[in-house]
């Protein structure tokens, strides 16, 4: 059990996301980012399965076949594409739903911050795109949401943070969706 290390990691991550959200033009949304990680349902599992180089949810899944902390988290945090699924009456199954623009931006900020925390000094602006590409075939996400997130991650990899965050701020001022 590593409660202090886990607390430090999730707090450092959250502060990075807040900074990225500020740069993206959604500061207030960033302030609310991942508060559920401090709830007992998520925090104590995170401390128990803490490893420091990846999400504790990975280890919890290995041991139990699922992560109760992740199930709690994704159901309360709209910046996760897994939150955006719903029953489609014509298809008679659960399908991904297109995410609102502001939450895709927060998801981008979250992915960049997570890459920085877990990669540490080895981080490059290509890391979030590589992580996204690695799991793309297995991901159940709305195609337009996936394409827009990939566009932002590609811009980050090719043009860097300053240009990408400037683009996001400009895009948010002139668009309601993607």
N, C-alpha and C. Protein backbone atom coordinates (compact mmCIF):
# COMPACT_ATOMS: atom_id res chain seq x y z
N UNK A 1 0.86 -1.18 0.00
CA UNK A 1 0.00 0.00 0.00
C UNK A 1 0.90 1.24 0.00
N UNK A 2 0.66 2.13 -0.97
CA UNK A 2 1.49 3.32 -1.13
C UNK A 2 0.62 4.59 -1.19
N UNK A 3 -0.08 4.94 -0.11
CA UNK A 3 -1.00 6.08 -0.18
C UNK A 3 -0.32 7.42 -0.46
N UNK A 4 0.85 7.64 0.10
CA UNK A 4 1.53 8.93 -0.10
C UNK A 4 2.03 9.05 -1.54
N UNK A 5 2.68 8.00 -2.03
CA UNK A 5 3.17 8.03 -3.42
C UNK A 5 2.00 8.19 -4.39
N UNK A 6 0.92 7.47 -4.13
CA UNK A 6 -0.25 7.57 -5.02
C UNK A 6 -0.83 9.00 -4.97
N UNK A 7 -0.96 9.55 -3.77
CA UNK A 7 -1.47 10.91 -3.62
C UNK A 7 -0.60 11.91 -4.38
N UNK A 8 0.70 11.78 -4.25
CA UNK A 8 1.62 12.69 -4.94
C UNK A 8 1.46 12.55 -6.46
N UNK A 9 1.38 11.31 -6.95
CA UNK A 9 1.25 11.08 -8.39
C UNK A 9 -0.05 11.65 -8.94
N UNK A 10 -1.17 11.36 -8.31
CA UNK A 10 -2.45 11.85 -8.85
C UNK A 10 -2.55 13.37 -8.72
N UNK A 11 -1.93 13.92 -7.69
CA UNK A 11 -1.98 15.37 -7.52
C UNK A 11 -1.08 16.06 -8.55
N UNK A 12 0.12 15.51 -8.79
CA UNK A 12 0.98 16.07 -9.84
C UNK A 12 0.29 16.00 -11.20
N UNK A 13 -0.34 14.86 -11.48
CA UNK A 13 -1.07 14.71 -12.74
C UNK A 13 -2.19 15.75 -12.84
N UNK A 14 -2.98 15.85 -11.79
CA UNK A 14 -4.11 16.80 -11.80
C UNK A 14 -3.63 18.23 -12.01
N UNK A 15 -2.54 18.60 -11.37
CA UNK A 15 -2.02 19.96 -11.54
C UNK A 15 -1.52 20.20 -12.97
N UNK A 16 -0.93 19.18 -13.58
CA UNK A 16 -0.52 19.31 -14.99
C UNK A 16 -1.75 19.49 -15.88
N UNK A 17 -2.81 18.72 -15.61
CA UNK A 17 -4.03 18.85 -16.40
C UNK A 17 -4.62 20.25 -16.22
N UNK A 18 -4.65 20.74 -15.02
CA UNK A 18 -5.17 22.10 -14.77
C UNK A 18 -4.38 23.11 -15.60
N UNK A 19 -3.07 22.99 -15.59
CA UNK A 19 -2.23 23.90 -16.39
C UNK A 19 -2.51 23.78 -17.87
N UNK A 20 -2.66 22.56 -18.36
CA UNK A 20 -2.97 22.36 -19.78
C UNK A 20 -4.36 22.91 -20.11
N UNK A 21 -5.32 22.68 -19.23
CA UNK A 21 -6.67 23.20 -19.47
C UNK A 21 -6.67 24.73 -19.50
N UNK A 22 -5.87 25.34 -18.63
CA UNK A 22 -5.74 26.80 -18.66
C UNK A 22 -5.21 27.25 -20.01
N UNK A 23 -4.16 26.58 -20.50
CA UNK A 23 -3.58 26.92 -21.80
C UNK A 23 -4.56 26.68 -22.95
N UNK A 24 -5.47 25.72 -22.76
CA UNK A 24 -6.44 25.39 -23.80
C UNK A 24 -7.68 26.27 -23.75
N UNK A 25 -7.83 27.05 -22.68
CA UNK A 25 -8.99 27.94 -22.57
C UNK A 25 -10.16 27.36 -21.82
N UNK A 26 -9.94 26.29 -21.04
CA UNK A 26 -11.02 25.68 -20.25
C UNK A 26 -10.56 25.53 -18.79
N UNK A 27 -10.06 26.62 -18.23
CA UNK A 27 -9.47 26.60 -16.90
C UNK A 27 -10.41 26.05 -15.84
N UNK A 28 -11.65 26.55 -15.79
CA UNK A 28 -12.58 26.11 -14.74
C UNK A 28 -12.87 24.62 -14.84
N UNK A 29 -12.94 24.13 -16.04
CA UNK A 29 -13.13 22.70 -16.24
C UNK A 29 -11.92 21.92 -15.71
N UNK A 30 -10.75 22.47 -15.92
CA UNK A 30 -9.54 21.84 -15.41
C UNK A 30 -9.52 21.76 -13.89
N UNK A 31 -10.06 22.77 -13.22
CA UNK A 31 -10.08 22.76 -11.76
C UNK A 31 -10.91 21.60 -11.21
N UNK A 32 -11.88 21.14 -11.97
CA UNK A 32 -12.74 20.04 -11.53
C UNK A 32 -12.21 18.67 -11.97
N UNK A 33 -11.13 18.68 -12.73
CA UNK A 33 -10.61 17.45 -13.33
C UNK A 33 -10.24 16.39 -12.28
N UNK A 34 -10.75 15.20 -12.46
CA UNK A 34 -10.36 13.99 -11.69
C UNK A 34 -10.52 14.10 -10.18
N UNK A 35 -11.45 14.89 -9.71
CA UNK A 35 -11.65 14.97 -8.26
C UNK A 35 -12.08 13.63 -7.68
N UNK A 36 -12.71 12.78 -8.48
CA UNK A 36 -13.15 11.47 -7.98
C UNK A 36 -11.98 10.58 -7.60
N UNK A 37 -10.78 10.87 -8.08
CA UNK A 37 -9.61 10.05 -7.71
C UNK A 37 -9.29 10.16 -6.22
N UNK A 38 -9.81 11.19 -5.57
CA UNK A 38 -9.59 11.36 -4.13
C UNK A 38 -10.70 10.72 -3.30
N UNK A 39 -11.71 10.17 -3.96
CA UNK A 39 -12.80 9.49 -3.25
C UNK A 39 -12.30 8.14 -2.73
N UNK A 40 -12.89 7.63 -1.65
CA UNK A 40 -12.45 6.33 -1.13
C UNK A 40 -12.52 5.21 -2.17
N UNK A 41 -13.54 5.20 -3.02
CA UNK A 41 -13.70 4.13 -4.01
C UNK A 41 -12.53 4.05 -4.97
N UNK A 42 -11.90 5.17 -5.27
CA UNK A 42 -10.78 5.19 -6.20
C UNK A 42 -9.43 5.29 -5.48
N UNK A 43 -9.37 6.14 -4.46
CA UNK A 43 -8.08 6.41 -3.84
C UNK A 43 -7.45 5.17 -3.20
N UNK A 44 -8.22 4.43 -2.42
CA UNK A 44 -7.63 3.30 -1.70
C UNK A 44 -7.21 2.18 -2.64
N UNK A 45 -7.95 1.98 -3.73
CA UNK A 45 -7.53 0.99 -4.72
C UNK A 45 -6.27 1.47 -5.45
N UNK A 46 -6.24 2.77 -5.75
CA UNK A 46 -5.06 3.32 -6.40
C UNK A 46 -3.81 3.18 -5.54
N UNK A 47 -3.96 3.40 -4.23
CA UNK A 47 -2.83 3.25 -3.31
C UNK A 47 -2.40 1.78 -3.21
N UNK A 48 -3.37 0.89 -3.21
CA UNK A 48 -3.06 -0.55 -3.10
C UNK A 48 -2.30 -1.06 -4.32
N UNK A 49 -2.71 -0.60 -5.52
CA UNK A 49 -2.12 -1.12 -6.76
C UNK A 49 -1.10 -0.16 -7.38
N UNK A 50 -0.67 0.82 -6.63
CA UNK A 50 0.30 1.80 -7.11
C UNK A 50 1.59 1.14 -7.57
N UNK A 51 2.11 1.58 -8.74
CA UNK A 51 3.39 1.11 -9.24
C UNK A 51 4.31 2.26 -9.64
N UNK A 52 3.74 3.41 -9.95
CA UNK A 52 4.54 4.59 -10.26
C UNK A 52 4.83 4.82 -11.74
N UNK A 53 4.77 3.75 -12.54
CA UNK A 53 5.10 3.92 -13.97
C UNK A 53 3.91 3.68 -14.89
N UNK A 54 2.76 3.36 -14.31
CA UNK A 54 1.53 3.19 -15.09
C UNK A 54 0.34 3.31 -14.14
N UNK A 55 -0.84 3.37 -14.71
CA UNK A 55 -2.04 3.49 -13.89
C UNK A 55 -2.19 2.28 -12.97
N UNK A 56 -2.57 2.49 -11.72
CA UNK A 56 -2.84 1.37 -10.82
C UNK A 56 -3.96 0.46 -11.33
N UNK A 57 -4.81 0.99 -12.19
CA UNK A 57 -5.92 0.20 -12.74
C UNK A 57 -5.41 -1.00 -13.53
N UNK A 58 -4.24 -0.88 -14.13
CA UNK A 58 -3.66 -1.98 -14.90
C UNK A 58 -3.42 -3.18 -13.99
N UNK A 59 -2.81 -2.95 -12.83
CA UNK A 59 -2.52 -4.03 -11.89
C UNK A 59 -3.80 -4.59 -11.29
N UNK A 60 -4.76 -3.73 -10.98
CA UNK A 60 -6.03 -4.21 -10.42
C UNK A 60 -6.73 -5.13 -11.43
N UNK A 61 -6.67 -4.77 -12.72
CA UNK A 61 -7.25 -5.63 -13.76
C UNK A 61 -6.55 -6.98 -13.83
N UNK A 62 -5.23 -6.98 -13.70
CA UNK A 62 -4.48 -8.24 -13.74
C UNK A 62 -4.92 -9.17 -12.62
N UNK A 63 -5.17 -8.62 -11.46
CA UNK A 63 -5.52 -9.45 -10.31
C UNK A 63 -6.98 -9.89 -10.29
N UNK A 64 -7.88 -9.03 -10.79
CA UNK A 64 -9.31 -9.31 -10.65
C UNK A 64 -10.07 -9.47 -11.97
N UNK A 65 -9.42 -9.14 -13.07
CA UNK A 65 -10.11 -9.20 -14.35
C UNK A 65 -10.87 -7.93 -14.69
N UNK A 66 -10.90 -6.98 -13.79
CA UNK A 66 -11.54 -5.68 -13.99
C UNK A 66 -10.95 -4.72 -12.96
N UNK A 67 -11.19 -3.45 -13.16
CA UNK A 67 -10.76 -2.46 -12.19
C UNK A 67 -11.98 -1.73 -11.65
N UNK A 68 -12.29 -1.98 -10.40
CA UNK A 68 -13.43 -1.30 -9.76
C UNK A 68 -13.18 0.21 -9.69
N UNK A 69 -11.93 0.59 -9.49
CA UNK A 69 -11.60 2.02 -9.44
C UNK A 69 -11.88 2.67 -10.79
N UNK A 70 -11.52 2.00 -11.89
CA UNK A 70 -11.77 2.54 -13.22
C UNK A 70 -13.26 2.62 -13.52
N UNK A 71 -14.01 1.59 -13.15
CA UNK A 71 -15.46 1.62 -13.38
C UNK A 71 -16.10 2.81 -12.67
N UNK A 72 -15.63 3.07 -11.46
CA UNK A 72 -16.12 4.23 -10.71
C UNK A 72 -15.71 5.52 -11.42
N UNK A 73 -14.45 5.58 -11.82
CA UNK A 73 -13.89 6.80 -12.41
C UNK A 73 -14.54 7.16 -13.74
N UNK A 74 -14.63 6.22 -14.65
CA UNK A 74 -15.15 6.53 -15.99
C UNK A 74 -16.63 6.90 -15.96
N UNK A 75 -17.34 6.46 -14.94
CA UNK A 75 -18.75 6.81 -14.83
C UNK A 75 -19.01 8.19 -14.26
N UNK A 76 -17.94 8.88 -13.83
CA UNK A 76 -18.09 10.19 -13.19
C UNK A 76 -17.30 11.30 -13.88
N UNK A 77 -16.52 10.94 -14.87
CA UNK A 77 -15.63 11.91 -15.50
C UNK A 77 -15.85 11.95 -17.00
N UNK A 78 -16.45 13.03 -17.45
CA UNK A 78 -16.91 13.14 -18.84
C UNK A 78 -15.79 13.33 -19.85
N UNK A 79 -14.56 13.48 -19.39
CA UNK A 79 -13.44 13.61 -20.33
C UNK A 79 -12.94 12.24 -20.79
N UNK A 80 -13.55 11.18 -20.35
CA UNK A 80 -13.20 9.83 -20.81
C UNK A 80 -14.21 9.38 -21.85
N UNK A 81 -13.74 8.93 -23.00
CA UNK A 81 -14.66 8.52 -24.06
C UNK A 81 -15.53 7.35 -23.62
N UNK A 82 -15.06 6.56 -22.67
CA UNK A 82 -15.85 5.42 -22.18
C UNK A 82 -17.13 5.87 -21.48
N UNK A 83 -17.14 7.10 -20.98
CA UNK A 83 -18.35 7.67 -20.37
C UNK A 83 -19.45 7.84 -21.43
N UNK A 84 -19.03 8.13 -22.66
CA UNK A 84 -19.94 8.51 -23.73
C UNK A 84 -20.38 7.30 -24.56
N UNK A 85 -21.13 6.43 -23.93
CA UNK A 85 -21.78 5.32 -24.61
C UNK A 85 -23.24 5.31 -24.19
N UNK A 86 -24.09 4.82 -25.08
CA UNK A 86 -25.51 4.77 -24.75
C UNK A 86 -26.17 3.68 -25.58
N UNK A 87 -27.32 3.27 -25.13
CA UNK A 87 -28.10 2.27 -25.85
C UNK A 87 -28.68 2.89 -27.11
N UNK A 88 -28.45 2.24 -28.23
CA UNK A 88 -28.98 2.70 -29.53
C UNK A 88 -30.18 1.82 -29.87
N UNK A 89 -31.39 2.38 -29.87
CA UNK A 89 -32.59 1.56 -30.06
C UNK A 89 -32.64 0.83 -31.40
N UNK A 90 -32.22 1.46 -32.48
CA UNK A 90 -32.27 0.80 -33.79
C UNK A 90 -31.26 -0.35 -33.87
N UNK A 91 -30.07 -0.14 -33.29
CA UNK A 91 -29.02 -1.17 -33.30
C UNK A 91 -29.23 -2.21 -32.21
N UNK A 92 -29.99 -1.83 -31.18
CA UNK A 92 -30.27 -2.70 -30.03
C UNK A 92 -28.99 -3.13 -29.30
N UNK A 93 -28.08 -2.15 -29.16
CA UNK A 93 -26.84 -2.40 -28.43
C UNK A 93 -26.25 -1.07 -27.97
N UNK A 94 -25.26 -1.16 -27.11
CA UNK A 94 -24.57 0.03 -26.61
C UNK A 94 -23.54 0.45 -27.65
N UNK A 95 -23.56 1.75 -27.99
CA UNK A 95 -22.63 2.29 -28.98
C UNK A 95 -21.99 3.57 -28.46
N UNK A 96 -20.82 3.92 -28.99
CA UNK A 96 -20.20 5.19 -28.58
C UNK A 96 -20.99 6.38 -29.11
N UNK A 97 -20.96 7.45 -28.34
CA UNK A 97 -21.63 8.71 -28.67
C UNK A 97 -20.56 9.77 -28.89
N UNK A 98 -20.80 10.68 -29.83
CA UNK A 98 -19.87 11.78 -30.08
C UNK A 98 -19.77 12.65 -28.83
N UNK A 99 -18.54 12.89 -28.38
CA UNK A 99 -18.31 13.68 -27.18
C UNK A 99 -18.45 15.18 -27.47
N UNK A 100 -18.94 15.95 -26.50
CA UNK A 100 -18.92 17.40 -26.64
C UNK A 100 -17.48 17.91 -26.74
N UNK A 101 -17.31 18.98 -27.48
CA UNK A 101 -15.99 19.54 -27.76
C UNK A 101 -15.16 19.79 -26.51
N UNK A 102 -15.73 20.42 -25.50
CA UNK A 102 -14.97 20.78 -24.31
C UNK A 102 -14.38 19.56 -23.60
N UNK A 103 -15.08 18.44 -23.65
CA UNK A 103 -14.58 17.23 -23.00
C UNK A 103 -13.49 16.55 -23.83
N UNK A 104 -13.56 16.70 -25.14
CA UNK A 104 -12.47 16.17 -25.98
C UNK A 104 -11.20 16.97 -25.70
N UNK A 105 -11.34 18.27 -25.54
CA UNK A 105 -10.19 19.11 -25.22
C UNK A 105 -9.61 18.70 -23.86
N UNK A 106 -10.48 18.47 -22.89
CA UNK A 106 -10.00 18.02 -21.57
C UNK A 106 -9.33 16.65 -21.68
N UNK A 107 -9.87 15.76 -22.52
CA UNK A 107 -9.26 14.44 -22.72
C UNK A 107 -7.86 14.60 -23.32
N UNK A 108 -7.72 15.51 -24.27
CA UNK A 108 -6.39 15.79 -24.84
C UNK A 108 -5.43 16.24 -23.73
N UNK A 109 -5.87 17.20 -22.91
CA UNK A 109 -5.03 17.69 -21.82
C UNK A 109 -4.67 16.57 -20.85
N UNK A 110 -5.60 15.70 -20.57
CA UNK A 110 -5.40 14.58 -19.67
C UNK A 110 -4.36 13.60 -20.23
N UNK A 111 -4.46 13.29 -21.51
CA UNK A 111 -3.53 12.35 -22.14
C UNK A 111 -2.10 12.91 -22.19
N UNK A 112 -1.98 14.19 -22.47
CA UNK A 112 -0.65 14.80 -22.49
C UNK A 112 -0.05 14.78 -21.08
N UNK A 113 -0.85 15.17 -20.09
CA UNK A 113 -0.37 15.19 -18.71
C UNK A 113 0.01 13.79 -18.23
N UNK A 114 -0.79 12.78 -18.55
CA UNK A 114 -0.49 11.40 -18.13
C UNK A 114 0.82 10.93 -18.76
N UNK A 115 1.03 11.25 -20.02
CA UNK A 115 2.28 10.87 -20.68
C UNK A 115 3.46 11.52 -19.99
N UNK A 116 3.32 12.78 -19.61
CA UNK A 116 4.41 13.48 -18.92
C UNK A 116 4.71 12.87 -17.56
N UNK A 117 3.66 12.50 -16.84
CA UNK A 117 3.85 11.93 -15.49
C UNK A 117 4.50 10.55 -15.59
N UNK A 118 3.97 9.70 -16.46
CA UNK A 118 4.47 8.33 -16.52
C UNK A 118 5.80 8.20 -17.27
N UNK A 119 6.07 9.07 -18.23
CA UNK A 119 7.33 9.00 -18.98
C UNK A 119 8.44 9.81 -18.32
N UNK A 120 8.08 10.78 -17.51
CA UNK A 120 9.07 11.57 -16.79
C UNK A 120 10.01 12.30 -17.74
N UNK A 121 11.28 12.25 -17.46
CA UNK A 121 12.28 12.96 -18.26
C UNK A 121 12.39 12.43 -19.68
N UNK A 122 11.90 11.23 -19.92
CA UNK A 122 11.94 10.64 -21.27
C UNK A 122 10.79 11.13 -22.16
N UNK A 123 9.88 11.95 -21.63
CA UNK A 123 8.72 12.41 -22.39
C UNK A 123 9.12 13.20 -23.63
N UNK A 124 8.40 12.93 -24.73
CA UNK A 124 8.47 13.77 -25.93
C UNK A 124 7.04 14.05 -26.37
N UNK A 125 6.87 15.06 -27.20
CA UNK A 125 5.52 15.40 -27.67
C UNK A 125 4.92 14.33 -28.57
N UNK A 126 5.69 13.32 -28.95
CA UNK A 126 5.16 12.21 -29.75
C UNK A 126 4.52 11.14 -28.86
N UNK A 127 4.86 11.12 -27.58
CA UNK A 127 4.39 10.06 -26.68
C UNK A 127 2.86 9.94 -26.61
N UNK A 128 2.10 11.04 -26.43
CA UNK A 128 0.64 10.88 -26.36
C UNK A 128 0.04 10.30 -27.65
N UNK A 129 0.57 10.68 -28.80
CA UNK A 129 0.09 10.14 -30.07
C UNK A 129 0.42 8.66 -30.18
N UNK A 130 1.64 8.28 -29.79
CA UNK A 130 2.03 6.87 -29.85
C UNK A 130 1.16 6.02 -28.94
N UNK A 131 0.86 6.51 -27.75
CA UNK A 131 -0.02 5.80 -26.83
C UNK A 131 -1.41 5.63 -27.44
N UNK A 132 -1.92 6.71 -28.02
CA UNK A 132 -3.24 6.67 -28.66
C UNK A 132 -3.24 5.66 -29.81
N UNK A 133 -2.23 5.70 -30.66
CA UNK A 133 -2.15 4.81 -31.82
C UNK A 133 -2.03 3.35 -31.39
N UNK A 134 -1.31 3.11 -30.31
CA UNK A 134 -1.09 1.74 -29.84
C UNK A 134 -2.41 1.03 -29.51
N UNK A 135 -3.36 1.73 -28.92
CA UNK A 135 -4.63 1.11 -28.53
C UNK A 135 -5.79 1.37 -29.46
N UNK A 136 -5.53 2.04 -30.56
CA UNK A 136 -6.61 2.48 -31.45
C UNK A 136 -7.50 1.34 -31.95
N UNK A 137 -6.92 0.24 -32.35
CA UNK A 137 -7.70 -0.87 -32.92
C UNK A 137 -8.65 -1.50 -31.91
N UNK A 138 -8.33 -1.39 -30.64
CA UNK A 138 -9.15 -2.02 -29.60
C UNK A 138 -10.14 -1.06 -28.96
N UNK A 139 -10.10 0.19 -29.32
CA UNK A 139 -10.87 1.24 -28.67
C UNK A 139 -12.28 1.33 -29.26
N UNK A 140 -13.27 1.48 -28.39
CA UNK A 140 -14.65 1.72 -28.83
C UNK A 140 -14.96 3.19 -28.53
N UNK A 141 -14.77 4.01 -29.54
CA UNK A 141 -14.93 5.47 -29.42
C UNK A 141 -15.63 5.96 -30.69
N UNK A 142 -16.43 6.99 -30.56
CA UNK A 142 -17.11 7.54 -31.73
C UNK A 142 -16.06 7.96 -32.77
N UNK A 143 -16.28 7.62 -34.03
CA UNK A 143 -15.26 7.90 -35.06
C UNK A 143 -14.87 9.38 -35.17
N UNK A 144 -15.83 10.28 -35.04
CA UNK A 144 -15.51 11.72 -35.13
C UNK A 144 -14.70 12.17 -33.91
N UNK A 145 -15.03 11.64 -32.75
CA UNK A 145 -14.26 11.97 -31.53
C UNK A 145 -12.83 11.47 -31.68
N UNK A 146 -12.69 10.24 -32.14
CA UNK A 146 -11.36 9.66 -32.34
C UNK A 146 -10.54 10.47 -33.33
N UNK A 147 -11.17 10.85 -34.44
CA UNK A 147 -10.45 11.60 -35.49
C UNK A 147 -10.01 12.98 -34.97
N UNK A 148 -10.87 13.65 -34.21
CA UNK A 148 -10.51 14.98 -33.72
C UNK A 148 -9.39 14.88 -32.68
N UNK A 149 -9.48 13.91 -31.76
CA UNK A 149 -8.42 13.73 -30.77
C UNK A 149 -7.10 13.40 -31.47
N UNK A 150 -7.15 12.52 -32.45
CA UNK A 150 -5.94 12.16 -33.18
C UNK A 150 -5.35 13.36 -33.92
N UNK A 151 -6.21 14.22 -34.45
CA UNK A 151 -5.75 15.44 -35.11
C UNK A 151 -4.96 16.31 -34.13
N UNK A 152 -5.49 16.48 -32.92
CA UNK A 152 -4.81 17.30 -31.91
C UNK A 152 -3.50 16.66 -31.46
N UNK A 153 -3.51 15.35 -31.27
CA UNK A 153 -2.29 14.66 -30.84
C UNK A 153 -1.23 14.69 -31.93
N UNK A 154 -1.65 14.61 -33.19
CA UNK A 154 -0.72 14.70 -34.31
C UNK A 154 -0.12 16.11 -34.39
N UNK A 155 -0.96 17.11 -34.19
CA UNK A 155 -0.47 18.49 -34.20
C UNK A 155 0.56 18.68 -33.08
N UNK A 156 0.28 18.15 -31.92
CA UNK A 156 1.23 18.23 -30.81
C UNK A 156 2.56 17.58 -31.20
N UNK A 157 2.51 16.39 -31.79
CA UNK A 157 3.72 15.66 -32.16
C UNK A 157 4.52 16.39 -33.22
N UNK A 158 3.83 17.04 -34.15
CA UNK A 158 4.51 17.68 -35.27
C UNK A 158 4.87 19.14 -35.04
N UNK A 159 4.06 19.85 -34.25
CA UNK A 159 4.24 21.30 -34.12
C UNK A 159 4.53 21.78 -32.70
N UNK A 160 4.34 20.91 -31.70
CA UNK A 160 4.64 21.27 -30.32
C UNK A 160 3.46 21.85 -29.56
N UNK A 161 3.71 22.05 -28.27
CA UNK A 161 2.65 22.50 -27.37
C UNK A 161 2.16 23.91 -27.66
N UNK A 162 3.05 24.84 -27.85
CA UNK A 162 2.64 26.25 -28.01
C UNK A 162 1.65 26.40 -29.16
N UNK A 163 1.99 25.84 -30.31
CA UNK A 163 1.10 25.96 -31.47
C UNK A 163 -0.19 25.18 -31.28
N UNK A 164 -0.11 24.02 -30.66
CA UNK A 164 -1.31 23.20 -30.47
C UNK A 164 -2.29 23.86 -29.51
N UNK A 165 -1.80 24.36 -28.38
CA UNK A 165 -2.69 25.03 -27.43
C UNK A 165 -3.25 26.32 -28.01
N UNK A 166 -2.49 27.04 -28.80
CA UNK A 166 -3.01 28.25 -29.46
C UNK A 166 -4.13 27.87 -30.43
N UNK A 167 -3.93 26.79 -31.18
CA UNK A 167 -4.96 26.30 -32.10
C UNK A 167 -6.24 25.91 -31.34
N UNK A 168 -6.08 25.21 -30.22
CA UNK A 168 -7.24 24.77 -29.44
C UNK A 168 -8.02 25.98 -28.92
N UNK A 169 -7.33 26.99 -28.38
CA UNK A 169 -8.01 28.19 -27.88
C UNK A 169 -8.78 28.88 -29.00
N UNK A 170 -8.15 29.01 -30.15
CA UNK A 170 -8.80 29.63 -31.30
C UNK A 170 -10.00 28.81 -31.76
N UNK A 171 -9.83 27.51 -31.80
CA UNK A 171 -10.90 26.61 -32.24
C UNK A 171 -12.10 26.71 -31.30
N UNK A 172 -11.85 26.73 -30.01
CA UNK A 172 -12.95 26.83 -29.03
C UNK A 172 -13.73 28.13 -29.17
N UNK A 173 -13.02 29.22 -29.51
CA UNK A 173 -13.69 30.52 -29.67
C UNK A 173 -14.61 30.54 -30.90
N UNK A 174 -14.28 29.74 -31.90
CA UNK A 174 -15.04 29.83 -33.17
C UNK A 174 -15.90 28.61 -33.49
N UNK A 175 -15.86 27.59 -32.64
CA UNK A 175 -16.62 26.36 -32.93
C UNK A 175 -17.37 25.88 -31.67
N UNK A 176 -18.51 25.27 -31.90
CA UNK A 176 -19.26 24.63 -30.82
C UNK A 176 -19.07 23.11 -30.84
N UNK A 177 -18.59 22.61 -31.97
CA UNK A 177 -18.38 21.17 -32.13
C UNK A 177 -17.22 20.96 -33.10
N UNK A 178 -16.96 19.75 -33.45
CA UNK A 178 -15.88 19.41 -34.37
C UNK A 178 -16.42 18.57 -35.50
